[in-house]
Amino acid sequence: MNVSMSLKRKTEKVIRLLDELAQLSADGALIVVEGPNDVVALRRLGVLGEVIPAKAMGKTFIDLVSELELQEREVILLMDFDRRGREWTKRLAAYLERGRVRVNLHVWRGLQELVGREVKDVEGLTTYLETVRRKMGEHILSEWTL
């Protein structure tokens, strides 16, 4: 398989995950990201439901956990893909699961596996996809208006 075919397949998988995220969000799931720039990036990627920037809320970790434990809906953790983001995700998921919150890590794990080496944070996903579009010279991302 040549490099561009590999990149095309990987990008298609990323787009499927982002479509899934947008649908889960539209169906009422709450998404938790690290900062406000991540919220902006998700909006550009078509995720229109409620997104909470965990670190921009001015709350402590325990305040955030307490607020999220009140949720009676699925909570999607979508922290950054760097070491600190992985630590936050692991810690937050453990606390929330103990509080019986339905935590979804599927999209985060999938994106980290696919682009975690090239993209360090959620806000970097838009730049990544724009770069791929230029490299591919195709309309693989034609439905995405970044």
Foldseek 3Di string as FASTA:
>chain_A
DDPLVVLLVLVVLLLVLLVVQLVLQVVPEEEEEAAPLLVVLNVLQNRDHHYHNVNVPPDDLVVVLVVQLPDPHEYEYAYWLDPVRVVSVVVSVVSSVVSVHHYDDPSNVSCCVRCVVPGGGSSCPVVVVVVSCVVNVDCSVVVRDD
